[in-house]
Amino acid sequence: MPLCSLVYIVYFDLSHLLVSTSVYLLVFDNLDDARDLKTVEKDLERSSNGKEAAYNEINRLNNEQKKLNENISRITNQAAAAENTARDKEDSLKREQEASKKKTDLNVTCKECTEMEHKLEEQLAPLRRDLLQAESDRERMRNGNAHEDKTLGEQLKTFERDLDK
């Protein structure tokens, strides 16, 4: 009757963090194998220790992968936050540039208005002078007419008194 033993061999590919397990069935054809029970127990213990070491390595690699995933998540969140901040700053800069352009346009418009105001003031000066001259002439004529009116009024009163007598 052949002696069979099941041996698990675990391969680690650390660069990709992949674990693959292969199962091999070893068949021994003769019972007169030189291995005795103690040797088989030692081999089994060694295999068991190897299996436990492999599981420990798997756990360590899983923990390392967990840490890496957490770091990736944290860095991804930081990158998203930085992108949002950059987008906000870009929008702010765009609004600031638009405001600056509007301010420049308004300054140009104000300058044009001031120049127009000066031109109008220059055109208005002769008109004001003519208006003051006309007002002065009118006042003089009123004064002259008032004096003449007073004189004529006195003459009319004198004439009426003389007429009544």
Foldseek 3Di string as FASTA:
>chain_A
DKDKDKAKDWDADVVVRDIDIDIDIDIGDDPVDPDDPVNVVVVVVVRVVVVVVVVVVNVVSVVVVVVVVVVVVVVVVVVVVVVVVVVVVVVVVVVVVVVVVVVVVVVVVVVVVVVVVVVVVVVCVVVVVVVVVVVVVVVVVVVVVVVVVVVVVVVVVVVVVVVVD
